[in-house]
Amino acid sequence: MDVNQNATSIEISVLRENMEINLVGLIQTTIGFIPLLGKSDNGVILNVSSDTASNAYQAKPDAGLHFIAYITVARRLLIHSYTIALAQELKKDRIKVNAVTPGFTTSKINLFMPGKKSLEDGALALVPFTLLDKNGPTGQSSIGMEWSFRGNTIQKLYC
């Protein structure tokens, strides 16, 4: 999206296209991979998120980013709900499902605002969550959290 999308001026065609690609597409792809993940001894689904995908964050007067990419924020909130529902449903199949934010990363979605992480560092921050062992967490969201990794163990540093 190259144009700001505010809650009062959102273009419905842009909303539909974005949700179709980035929400419906995610769900469709996930459903397609579930049979393969079910055959794995250690299936993991990782949805990439953002700290902005938090109602608590968006309610702050100084939240800031809600005016830049309202559609993205709304979509990520829906992806969080889907992640939780999917994690609950797939527990019986031993497939872990989590939503993780790599932390503030400079990218197109935030109009390349200076941040702490490059795109490469943001991607590398996600890798440990794809390598969780069978006792790793499921149904979790890393919004507002920092993590440390020791071997294959993830520890929450703060919330």
Protein backbone atom coordinates (compact mmCIF):
# COMPACT_ATOMS: atom_id res chain seq x y z
CA MET A 1 0.00 0.00 0.00
CA ASP A 2 1.46 3.29 -1.04
CA VAL A 3 -1.34 5.50 0.30
CA ASN A 4 -2.31 6.16 3.91
CA GLN A 5 -5.57 4.44 4.79
CA ASN A 6 -7.36 6.08 7.71
CA ALA A 7 -10.38 4.54 9.42
CA THR A 8 -12.65 7.31 8.07
CA SER A 9 -11.31 7.41 4.53
CA ILE A 10 -10.44 3.80 3.83
CA GLU A 11 -10.93 2.78 0.22
CA ILE A 12 -13.09 -0.35 0.28
CA SER A 13 -11.51 -1.72 -2.91
CA VAL A 14 -8.05 -1.44 -1.32
CA LEU A 15 -9.36 -3.09 1.86
CA ARG A 16 -10.89 -5.99 -0.09
CA GLU A 17 -7.78 -6.57 -2.19
CA ASN A 18 -5.47 -6.42 0.82
CA MET A 19 -7.61 -8.77 2.91
CA GLU A 20 -8.00 -11.19 0.01
CA ILE A 21 -4.26 -11.43 -0.55
CA ASN A 22 -2.90 -11.12 2.98
CA LEU A 23 -5.61 -12.69 5.17
CA VAL A 24 -7.63 -15.03 2.97
CA GLY A 25 -4.43 -16.04 1.16
CA LEU A 26 -2.70 -16.81 4.47
CA ILE A 27 -5.65 -18.92 5.64
CA GLN A 28 -5.92 -20.74 2.30
CA THR A 29 -2.19 -21.51 2.24
CA THR A 30 -2.22 -22.65 5.86
CA ILE A 31 -5.14 -25.01 5.27
CA GLY A 32 -3.30 -26.42 2.24
CA PHE A 33 -0.16 -27.18 4.30
CA ILE A 34 -1.88 -28.68 7.37
CA PRO A 35 -1.95 -32.25 5.96
CA LEU A 36 1.81 -32.08 5.31
CA LEU A 37 2.53 -30.56 8.72
CA GLY A 38 0.45 -33.32 10.30
CA LYS A 39 2.88 -35.88 8.89
CA SER A 40 5.80 -34.12 10.57
CA ASP A 41 7.06 -35.04 14.02
CA ASN A 42 7.42 -31.33 14.75
CA GLY A 43 5.05 -29.17 12.70
CA VAL A 44 5.30 -25.41 13.19
CA ILE A 45 3.21 -22.57 11.73
CA LEU A 46 4.63 -19.10 12.29
CA ASN A 47 2.64 -15.99 11.45
CA VAL A 48 4.71 -12.82 11.32
CA SER A 49 3.16 -9.99 13.26
CA SER A 50 3.84 -6.51 14.56
CA ASP A 51 3.57 -4.69 17.85
CA THR A 52 1.00 -2.47 16.13
CA ALA A 53 -1.35 -5.49 15.94
CA SER A 54 -2.44 -4.91 19.51
CA ASN A 55 -5.64 -3.20 20.57
CA ALA A 56 -3.85 -1.98 23.70
CA TYR A 57 -1.14 -0.39 21.55
CA GLN A 58 -3.62 1.14 19.11
CA ALA A 59 -5.61 2.68 21.99
CA LYS A 60 -2.59 4.70 23.14
CA PRO A 61 -2.86 8.41 22.22
CA ASP A 62 0.70 8.32 20.89
CA ALA A 63 0.37 5.04 18.96
CA GLY A 64 1.31 6.83 15.75
CA LEU A 65 1.33 4.03 13.21
CA HIS A 66 -2.43 3.45 13.10
CA PHE A 67 -2.81 6.32 10.63
CA ILE A 68 -0.13 5.01 8.27
CA ALA A 69 -1.41 1.54 7.61
CA TYR A 70 -4.84 1.02 9.12
CA ILE A 71 -5.58 -1.91 6.80
CA THR A 72 -2.37 -3.65 7.82
CA VAL A 73 -3.13 -3.21 11.51
CA ALA A 74 -6.70 -4.49 11.09
CA ARG A 75 -5.49 -7.48 9.09
CA ARG A 76 -2.86 -8.38 11.67
CA LEU A 77 -5.45 -8.26 14.45
CA LEU A 78 -7.51 -10.78 12.48
CA ILE A 79 -4.42 -12.93 11.90
CA HIS A 80 -3.83 -12.99 15.67
CA SER A 81 -7.37 -14.28 16.22
CA TYR A 82 -6.86 -16.89 13.51
CA THR A 83 -3.51 -17.91 15.05
CA ILE A 84 -5.11 -18.51 18.45
CA ALA A 85 -8.04 -20.48 16.99
CA LEU A 86 -5.70 -22.53 14.80
CA ALA A 87 -3.33 -23.27 17.70
CA GLN A 88 -6.21 -24.55 19.82
CA GLU A 89 -7.52 -26.72 17.01
CA LEU A 90 -4.11 -28.16 16.05
CA LYS A 91 -2.87 -28.96 19.59
CA LYS A 92 -4.25 -32.47 19.19
CA ASP A 93 -2.12 -32.88 16.06
CA ARG A 94 1.03 -31.62 17.83
CA ILE A 95 1.37 -28.69 15.40
CA LYS A 96 2.55 -25.50 17.07
CA VAL A 97 1.09 -22.19 15.86
CA ASN A 98 2.42 -18.81 17.00
CA ALA A 99 2.41 -15.17 15.94
CA VAL A 100 5.75 -13.44 16.38
CA THR A 101 6.94 -9.92 15.79
CA PRO A 102 10.59 -9.48 14.88
CA GLY A 103 10.56 -6.08 16.61
CA PHE A 104 10.67 -2.71 14.94
CA THR A 105 12.15 -3.30 11.50
CA THR A 106 12.62 -0.68 8.82
CA SER A 107 10.47 -1.70 5.84
CA LYS A 108 8.03 -0.51 3.21
CA ILE A 109 5.08 -0.98 5.57
CA ASN A 110 6.40 1.75 7.91
CA LEU A 111 7.54 3.93 5.02
CA PHE A 112 11.18 2.98 5.79
CA MET A 113 11.19 4.83 9.11
CA PRO A 114 14.56 4.38 10.81
CA GLY A 115 14.45 1.42 13.14
CA LYS A 116 16.54 -0.91 15.16
CA LYS A 117 16.58 -3.76 12.63
CA SER A 118 17.31 -4.20 8.97
CA LEU A 119 15.04 -6.50 6.95
CA GLU A 120 17.68 -9.22 7.23
CA ASP A 121 17.92 -8.89 11.03
CA GLY A 122 14.13 -8.90 11.29
CA ALA A 123 13.98 -12.16 9.34
CA LEU A 124 16.74 -13.72 11.44
CA ALA A 125 14.81 -12.88 14.62
CA LEU A 126 12.03 -15.23 13.44
CA VAL A 127 14.19 -18.29 12.76
CA PRO A 128 14.25 -19.70 16.33
CA PHE A 129 10.44 -19.81 16.34
CA THR A 130 10.49 -22.05 13.26
CA LEU A 131 12.87 -24.46 15.01
CA LEU A 132 10.87 -25.04 18.20
CA ASP A 133 11.15 -28.50 19.66
CA LYS A 134 8.06 -30.58 20.43
CA ASN A 135 7.74 -28.97 23.87
CA GLY A 136 7.85 -25.43 22.47
CA PRO A 137 5.03 -22.93 22.99
CA THR A 138 1.87 -22.80 20.89
CA GLY A 139 -0.94 -20.26 20.67
CA GLN A 140 1.43 -17.49 21.72
CA SER A 141 1.89 -13.96 20.52
CA SER A 142 5.14 -12.09 21.01
CA ILE A 143 3.57 -8.63 20.87
CA GLY A 144 5.34 -6.35 23.30
CA MET A 145 7.84 -9.02 24.30
CA GLU A 146 11.53 -9.53 23.89
CA TRP A 147 12.90 -13.04 23.72
CA SER A 148 16.23 -14.67 24.38
CA PHE A 149 17.29 -17.91 22.83
CA ARG A 150 19.44 -20.53 24.50
CA GLY A 151 19.88 -23.55 22.30
CA ASN A 152 16.33 -24.48 21.33
CA THR A 153 14.73 -22.82 24.37
CA ILE A 154 12.91 -19.51 24.13
CA GLN A 155 12.72 -17.35 27.23
CA LYS A 156 10.48 -14.32 27.67
CA LEU A 157 12.50 -11.35 28.92
CA TYR A 158 9.68 -8.86 29.48
CA CYS A 159 6.11 -8.07 28.55
